[in-house]
Amino acid sequence: MTVSAVESAAARSTRGVREMLVRGAATVVLAAAAVWLVINLVHAPRQFFVVLLDGLNNGALYALIALGYTLVYGIIELINFAHGDLFMLGAVVSAIMLYRWFDLTGPGLTATLLLVLVLILTMSFCAGLNMLAELVAYRRLRRAPKLAPLITAVGISFIFQWIGQRQWMTGSTPKQWPTVITGGGFSVFGVQVQWATLVVVGVTVPLLLILTYIVQRTRQGKAMRATAQDQDAARLMGINVNRTIAFTFALGGAMAGAAGVLYVQSVGSTKFDLGFQLGLIAFTAAVLGGIGNLSGAVLGGFVIGIVQNFNEGLPYGLGQRWSQTVIFSILILLMVFRPSGLLGKPTTEKV
């Protein structure tokens, strides 16, 4: 046996031991999490399911925001850090239209119809604003080093925050709004199901299905996937790359606008820096599920929403002040064990 063959065998053996240790550590972590969940379920089953429903509500919002991150990254590999603040503007605009323009004060049939109208208008507003940001800022930097558009995204984020603080909210304090959705809910086996949760999930799921259909089944969706694979080849095939990328930004902005409307109706408050924290969590969800993967973004959003609420609401959780630590610890562990995310596929970068 030659020296190179011996070295290759030793490398394979070392790699095998490393993979075995990683799998063992992952098994231990998952087993500990399962035991923790079972203990909480046995100790307080009703509270467990109430917290689970709240987690689905938050997870739906995170999923909508995460889709904007993953759509843009999948096309031009840009982490659009302004996306969270676009969501904040969507929340603020929807609240202004409902409660200042239409002067709504509570639930009702008219309020419900106006809420649907405001949802469409807010999605259109955020889609247009995201397209404008792409046209003015990102398009010119498409061939620039990756750090340039990243810094530009941070700059646009501060512009959106300034608009939210100075022009509409007149200050940095949180603004409270009434909600159109009727308070309360109904009980199932002693577990209270809130109407707001049903509305948020009931709006989110169809939007996700429509977005998946557009990307997977339509002509424009095929153009998006072709552009994501190779922009130059897509141009040679007659695809308008600029229009395709702008359409992608529009879809992501529309999802952020929908999330903003649903957030106001489920939480009832807005703040100029709301998009920073929720945007960061949503970006974490996109990475957790596998950035660039639509199903992964949705899965990551629901996973983080449920884990966050379990940590804050279960008897043996660490509490609200540790929520972000728990979320990012999970992300770090996943990046160690599965760098491509839950549904992402390992890729090799061409050089």
Protein backbone atom coordinates (compact mmCIF):
# COMPACT_ATOMS: atom_id res chain seq x y z
CA MET A 1 0.00 0.00 0.00
CA THR A 2 1.36 3.39 -1.00
CA VAL A 3 1.75 6.35 1.34
CA SER A 4 -1.10 8.24 -0.40
CA ALA A 5 -3.44 5.24 0.03
CA VAL A 6 -2.62 5.05 3.74
CA GLU A 7 -3.25 8.77 4.14
CA SER A 8 -6.56 8.47 2.27
CA ALA A 9 -7.68 5.57 4.49
CA ALA A 10 -6.73 7.52 7.61
CA ALA A 11 -8.65 10.56 6.37
CA ARG A 12 -11.74 8.42 5.71
CA SER A 13 -11.47 6.87 9.15
CA THR A 14 -11.16 10.30 10.81
CA ARG A 15 -14.12 11.60 8.80
CA GLY A 16 -16.20 8.59 9.80
CA VAL A 17 -15.43 9.09 13.49
CA ARG A 18 -16.29 12.79 13.21
CA GLU A 19 -19.62 12.04 11.52
CA MET A 20 -20.44 9.44 14.18
CA LEU A 21 -19.74 11.94 16.96
CA VAL A 22 -21.89 14.57 15.26
CA ARG A 23 -24.79 12.14 14.88
CA GLY A 24 -24.42 11.08 18.50
CA ALA A 25 -24.44 14.67 19.74
CA ALA A 26 -27.49 15.47 17.59
CA THR A 27 -29.31 12.44 18.98
CA VAL A 28 -28.58 13.51 22.55
CA VAL A 29 -29.85 17.06 21.88
CA LEU A 30 -33.06 15.82 20.23
CA ALA A 31 -33.65 13.28 23.02
CA ALA A 32 -33.23 15.99 25.69
CA ALA A 33 -35.70 18.26 23.84
CA ALA A 34 -38.22 15.41 23.56
CA VAL A 35 -37.95 14.62 27.27
CA TRP A 36 -38.44 18.32 28.12
CA LEU A 37 -41.58 18.48 25.97
CA VAL A 38 -43.03 15.29 27.48
CA ILE A 39 -42.45 16.56 31.02
CA ASN A 40 -44.25 19.81 30.26
CA LEU A 41 -47.09 17.99 28.49
CA VAL A 42 -47.65 15.66 31.44
CA HIS A 43 -47.37 18.46 34.00
CA ALA A 44 -49.73 20.93 32.28
CA PRO A 45 -51.45 19.46 29.18
CA ARG A 46 -53.97 22.29 28.76
CA GLN A 47 -51.29 24.96 29.02
CA PHE A 48 -49.15 23.00 26.56
CA PHE A 49 -51.77 23.17 23.80
CA VAL A 50 -52.64 26.82 24.49
CA VAL A 51 -48.98 27.73 24.10
CA LEU A 52 -48.77 25.57 20.97
CA LEU A 53 -51.62 27.53 19.35
CA ASP A 54 -49.95 30.83 20.21
CA GLY A 55 -46.76 29.48 18.69
CA LEU A 56 -48.57 28.65 15.45
CA ASN A 57 -49.83 32.25 15.36
CA ASN A 58 -46.33 33.69 15.74
CA GLY A 59 -44.86 31.09 13.43
CA ALA A 60 -47.25 32.08 10.64
CA LEU A 61 -46.07 35.70 10.89
CA TYR A 62 -42.40 34.66 10.92
CA ALA A 63 -43.01 32.44 7.89
CA LEU A 64 -44.52 35.29 5.86
CA ILE A 65 -41.59 37.58 6.64
CA ALA A 66 -39.03 34.80 6.09
CA LEU A 67 -40.36 34.18 2.58
CA GLY A 68 -39.20 37.66 1.54
CA TYR A 69 -35.67 36.90 2.70
CA THR A 70 -35.52 33.51 1.04
CA LEU A 71 -37.06 34.68 -2.28
CA VAL A 72 -34.54 37.48 -2.77
CA TYR A 73 -31.59 35.38 -1.63
CA GLY A 74 -32.62 32.54 -3.91
CA ILE A 75 -32.56 34.85 -6.94
CA ILE A 76 -29.58 37.20 -6.42
CA GLU A 77 -28.00 35.86 -3.19
CA LEU A 78 -28.68 39.14 -1.36
CA ILE A 79 -29.54 39.21 2.35
CA ASN A 80 -32.05 42.05 2.27
CA PHE A 81 -31.77 43.39 5.81
CA ALA A 82 -34.31 46.11 4.98
CA HIS A 83 -37.04 43.49 4.67
CA GLY A 84 -37.89 43.50 8.38
CA ASP A 85 -38.42 47.26 8.31
CA LEU A 86 -40.58 46.89 5.20
CA PHE A 87 -42.78 44.64 7.33
CA MET A 88 -42.88 47.39 9.97
CA LEU A 89 -44.02 49.93 7.37
CA GLY A 90 -46.72 47.52 6.25
CA ALA A 91 -47.99 47.26 9.83
CA VAL A 92 -48.00 51.06 10.25
CA VAL A 93 -49.66 51.76 6.88
CA SER A 94 -52.40 49.19 7.51
CA ALA A 95 -53.15 50.68 10.93
CA ILE A 96 -53.32 54.22 9.52
CA MET A 97 -55.67 53.19 6.72
CA LEU A 98 -57.99 51.27 9.03
CA TYR A 99 -58.18 53.59 12.01
CA ARG A 100 -57.42 57.04 10.60
CA TRP A 101 -58.67 56.95 7.04
CA PHE A 102 -61.67 54.66 7.57
CA ASP A 103 -62.14 55.62 11.25
CA LEU A 104 -62.82 52.08 12.46
CA THR A 105 -63.21 51.52 16.18
CA GLY A 106 -64.04 47.84 16.48
CA PRO A 107 -65.15 44.61 14.81
CA GLY A 108 -68.13 44.16 12.50
CA LEU A 109 -69.08 43.14 8.97
CA THR A 110 -68.06 46.48 7.46
CA ALA A 111 -64.79 46.36 9.39
CA THR A 112 -64.08 42.85 8.09
CA LEU A 113 -64.64 43.89 4.47
CA LEU A 114 -62.44 46.94 4.95
CA LEU A 115 -59.77 44.72 6.53
CA VAL A 116 -59.69 42.62 3.34
CA LEU A 117 -59.37 45.79 1.27
CA VAL A 118 -56.59 47.12 3.51
CA LEU A 119 -54.80 43.76 3.26
CA ILE A 120 -54.76 44.05 -0.55
CA LEU A 121 -53.71 47.72 -0.48
CA THR A 122 -50.93 47.11 2.08
CA MET A 123 -49.56 44.17 0.12
CA SER A 124 -49.56 46.33 -3.01
CA PHE A 125 -47.85 49.21 -1.18
CA CYS A 126 -45.07 47.01 0.22
CA ALA A 127 -44.62 45.25 -3.12
CA GLY A 128 -44.24 48.58 -4.89
CA LEU A 129 -41.86 49.96 -2.27
CA ASN A 130 -39.70 46.85 -2.45
CA MET A 131 -39.59 47.10 -6.25
CA LEU A 132 -38.58 50.77 -5.94
CA ALA A 133 -35.73 49.85 -3.58
CA GLU A 134 -34.55 47.21 -6.05
CA LEU A 135 -34.70 49.66 -8.97
CA VAL A 136 -32.98 52.57 -7.23
CA ALA A 137 -30.41 50.79 -5.07
CA TYR A 138 -29.88 47.08 -5.63
CA ARG A 139 -30.02 46.88 -9.42
CA ARG A 140 -27.01 49.13 -9.89
CA LEU A 141 -24.97 47.01 -7.47
CA ARG A 142 -25.80 43.63 -8.96
CA ARG A 143 -22.30 43.17 -10.36
CA ALA A 144 -20.58 44.85 -7.41
CA PRO A 145 -18.80 42.96 -4.60
CA LYS A 146 -21.32 41.35 -2.24
CA LEU A 147 -20.46 43.71 0.60
CA ALA A 148 -21.78 46.74 -1.34
CA PRO A 149 -25.44 45.63 -1.67
CA LEU A 150 -25.34 44.31 1.89
CA ILE A 151 -24.35 47.73 3.24
CA THR A 152 -26.95 49.32 0.96
CA ALA A 153 -29.63 47.08 2.47
CA VAL A 154 -28.64 48.26 5.94
CA GLY A 155 -28.88 51.88 4.74
CA ILE A 156 -32.37 51.32 3.28
CA SER A 157 -33.34 49.71 6.59
CA PHE A 158 -32.48 52.94 8.42
CA ILE A 159 -34.45 54.96 5.85
CA PHE A 160 -37.53 52.80 6.42
CA GLN A 161 -37.14 53.18 10.17
CA TRP A 162 -36.90 56.96 9.81
CA ILE A 163 -40.09 57.02 7.74
CA GLY A 164 -41.89 54.91 10.31
CA GLN A 165 -40.72 57.09 13.19
CA ARG A 166 -40.93 60.60 11.79
CA GLN A 167 -43.66 60.68 9.20
CA TRP A 168 -46.42 58.49 10.55
CA MET A 169 -45.83 57.49 14.16
CA THR A 170 -44.64 60.91 15.39
CA GLY A 171 -42.23 59.48 17.89
CA SER A 172 -40.39 56.42 19.09
CA THR A 173 -42.94 55.19 21.65
CA PRO A 174 -45.15 52.19 20.76
CA LYS A 175 -48.53 53.06 19.27
CA GLN A 176 -51.58 51.10 20.39
CA TRP A 177 -54.39 50.34 17.92
CA PRO A 178 -57.81 48.70 18.28
CA THR A 179 -58.33 45.46 16.39
CA VAL A 180 -60.94 44.51 13.85
CA ILE A 181 -60.88 40.83 14.77
CA THR A 182 -63.36 39.96 17.51
CA GLY A 183 -61.70 39.15 20.82
CA GLY A 184 -62.10 35.80 22.53
CA GLY A 185 -62.68 32.53 20.72
CA PHE A 186 -64.03 29.07 21.43
CA SER A 187 -63.01 26.13 23.56
CA VAL A 188 -61.97 22.67 22.35
CA PHE A 189 -61.50 20.11 25.13
CA GLY A 190 -60.82 22.94 27.54
CA VAL A 191 -58.27 24.64 25.26
CA GLN A 192 -59.18 28.20 24.25
CA VAL A 193 -58.72 28.86 20.53
CA GLN A 194 -58.49 32.58 19.76
CA TRP A 195 -60.22 34.01 16.70
CA ALA A 196 -57.08 36.01 15.93
CA THR A 197 -55.06 32.80 15.65
CA LEU A 198 -57.56 31.32 13.20
CA VAL A 199 -57.53 34.48 11.08
CA VAL A 200 -53.72 34.68 11.00
CA VAL A 201 -53.30 31.02 10.06
CA GLY A 202 -56.32 31.16 7.73
CA VAL A 203 -54.80 34.05 5.77
CA THR A 204 -51.22 32.80 5.89
CA VAL A 205 -51.80 29.29 4.54
CA PRO A 206 -53.61 30.38 1.32
CA LEU A 207 -50.96 33.05 0.69
CA LEU A 208 -48.22 30.45 1.05
CA LEU A 209 -50.02 28.08 -1.30
CA ILE A 210 -50.54 30.83 -3.89
CA LEU A 211 -46.87 31.83 -3.68
CA THR A 212 -45.77 28.20 -4.08
CA TYR A 213 -48.05 27.84 -7.11
CA ILE A 214 -46.64 31.00 -8.70
CA VAL A 215 -43.04 29.87 -8.25
CA GLN A 216 -43.55 26.23 -9.22
CA ARG A 217 -46.30 26.29 -11.85
CA THR A 218 -46.41 29.60 -13.69
CA ARG A 219 -44.32 30.95 -16.57
CA GLN A 220 -43.00 33.76 -14.39
CA GLY A 221 -42.09 31.24 -11.71
CA LYS A 222 -40.06 29.27 -14.26
CA ALA A 223 -38.29 32.50 -15.20
CA MET A 224 -37.50 33.08 -11.52
CA ARG A 225 -36.02 29.62 -11.14
CA ALA A 226 -34.00 29.97 -14.34
CA THR A 227 -32.67 33.35 -13.21
CA ALA A 228 -31.71 31.88 -9.85
CA GLN A 229 -29.65 29.18 -11.57
CA ASP A 230 -27.81 31.37 -14.10
CA GLN A 231 -28.70 34.95 -15.01
CA ASP A 232 -26.60 35.04 -18.17
CA ALA A 233 -28.08 31.80 -19.48
CA ALA A 234 -31.57 33.09 -18.64
CA ARG A 235 -30.92 36.21 -20.74
CA LEU A 236 -29.80 34.04 -23.66
CA MET A 237 -33.09 32.15 -23.40
CA GLY A 238 -35.05 35.39 -23.78
CA ILE A 239 -35.92 35.98 -20.12
CA ASN A 240 -36.10 39.60 -18.96
CA VAL A 241 -33.86 39.23 -15.90
CA ASN A 242 -34.49 42.74 -14.56
CA ARG A 243 -38.26 42.26 -14.69
CA THR A 244 -37.98 38.82 -13.12
CA ILE A 245 -35.90 40.09 -10.20
CA ALA A 246 -38.27 43.04 -9.72
CA PHE A 247 -41.21 40.61 -9.67
CA THR A 248 -39.41 38.57 -7.01
CA PHE A 249 -38.96 41.68 -4.86
CA ALA A 250 -42.66 42.45 -5.36
CA LEU A 251 -43.67 38.99 -4.12
CA GLY A 252 -41.43 39.29 -1.07
CA GLY A 253 -42.76 42.77 -0.31
CA ALA A 254 -46.36 41.56 -0.61
CA MET A 255 -45.71 38.81 1.94
CA ALA A 256 -44.16 41.38 4.31
CA GLY A 257 -47.21 43.63 3.88
CA ALA A 258 -49.56 40.77 4.69
CA ALA A 259 -47.53 39.95 7.78
CA GLY A 260 -47.75 43.60 8.87
CA VAL A 261 -51.55 43.64 8.62
CA LEU A 262 -51.88 40.37 10.53
CA TYR A 263 -49.42 41.53 13.18
CA VAL A 264 -51.45 44.64 13.96
CA GLN A 265 -54.64 42.61 14.19
CA SER A 266 -53.15 39.98 16.48
CA VAL A 267 -50.93 42.19 18.68
CA GLY A 268 -52.53 45.63 18.37
CA SER A 269 -49.39 47.78 18.50
CA THR A 270 -46.67 49.16 16.26
CA LYS A 271 -43.22 50.64 16.82
CA PHE A 272 -40.64 52.11 14.47
CA ASP A 273 -38.01 49.48 15.33
CA LEU A 274 -40.48 46.59 15.26
CA GLY A 275 -38.95 45.22 12.09
CA PHE A 276 -35.46 44.87 13.56
CA GLN A 277 -36.25 42.12 16.06
CA LEU A 278 -38.94 40.34 14.06
CA GLY A 279 -36.92 40.66 10.88
CA LEU A 280 -33.90 39.13 12.57
CA ILE A 281 -36.00 36.24 13.89
CA ALA A 282 -37.58 35.75 10.45
CA PHE A 283 -34.15 35.73 8.82
CA THR A 284 -33.11 33.11 11.36
CA ALA A 285 -36.18 31.11 10.34
CA ALA A 286 -35.16 31.31 6.69
CA VAL A 287 -31.65 30.08 7.51
CA LEU A 288 -33.01 27.40 9.83
CA GLY A 289 -35.24 25.97 7.12
CA GLY A 290 -32.66 26.36 4.36
CA ILE A 291 -32.31 29.80 2.83
CA GLY A 292 -33.50 29.89 -0.76
CA ASN A 293 -36.07 27.15 -0.06
CA LEU A 294 -39.71 28.30 0.21
CA SER A 295 -40.89 25.27 2.16
CA GLY A 296 -37.86 25.59 4.41
CA ALA A 297 -38.69 29.22 5.22
CA VAL A 298 -42.23 28.24 6.20
CA LEU A 299 -41.02 25.30 8.29
CA GLY A 300 -38.36 27.42 9.97
CA GLY A 301 -40.93 30.11 10.80
CA PHE A 302 -43.29 27.68 12.47
CA VAL A 303 -40.47 25.90 14.30
CA ILE A 304 -39.11 29.14 15.77
CA GLY A 305 -42.59 30.42 16.63
CA ILE A 306 -43.46 27.23 18.50
CA VAL A 307 -40.08 26.94 20.23
CA GLN A 308 -40.21 30.58 21.32
CA ASN A 309 -43.68 30.19 22.84
CA PHE A 310 -42.79 26.88 24.47
CA ASN A 311 -39.81 28.53 26.14
CA GLU A 312 -41.88 31.51 27.32
CA GLY A 313 -45.14 29.80 28.22
CA LEU A 314 -44.44 26.30 29.50
CA PRO A 315 -43.97 25.62 33.24
CA TYR A 316 -40.38 24.44 32.81
CA GLY A 317 -39.27 26.97 30.19
CA LEU A 318 -36.43 29.40 30.67
CA GLY A 319 -38.70 32.46 30.37
CA GLN A 320 -39.08 35.39 28.00
CA ARG A 321 -35.72 37.00 28.72
CA TRP A 322 -33.95 33.86 27.42
CA SER A 323 -36.05 33.49 24.24
CA GLN A 324 -33.54 34.98 21.82
CA THR A 325 -30.72 32.99 23.43
CA VAL A 326 -32.68 29.78 22.93
CA ILE A 327 -33.57 30.63 19.31
CA PHE A 328 -30.03 31.48 18.25
CA SER A 329 -28.60 28.54 20.19
CA ILE A 330 -30.83 26.27 18.13
CA LEU A 331 -29.63 27.99 14.96
CA ILE A 332 -25.98 27.56 15.94
CA LEU A 333 -26.49 23.88 16.74
CA LEU A 334 -28.24 23.32 13.42
CA MET A 335 -25.46 25.07 11.52
CA VAL A 336 -22.97 22.74 13.21
CA PHE A 337 -24.93 19.57 12.49
CA ARG A 338 -26.63 20.56 9.21
CA PRO A 339 -25.19 23.74 7.65
CA SER A 340 -27.63 23.71 4.73
CA GLY A 341 -30.69 23.96 7.01
CA LEU A 342 -33.59 21.60 7.64
CA LEU A 343 -34.76 21.37 4.01
CA GLY A 344 -31.78 22.91 2.23
CA LYS A 345 -29.55 20.92 -0.05
CA PRO A 346 -25.75 20.98 0.24
CA THR A 347 -24.27 23.03 -2.59
CA THR A 348 -20.78 23.61 -3.88
CA GLU A 349 -19.73 27.06 -5.01
CA LYS A 350 -18.14 27.29 -8.45
CA VAL A 351 -14.76 29.00 -8.56
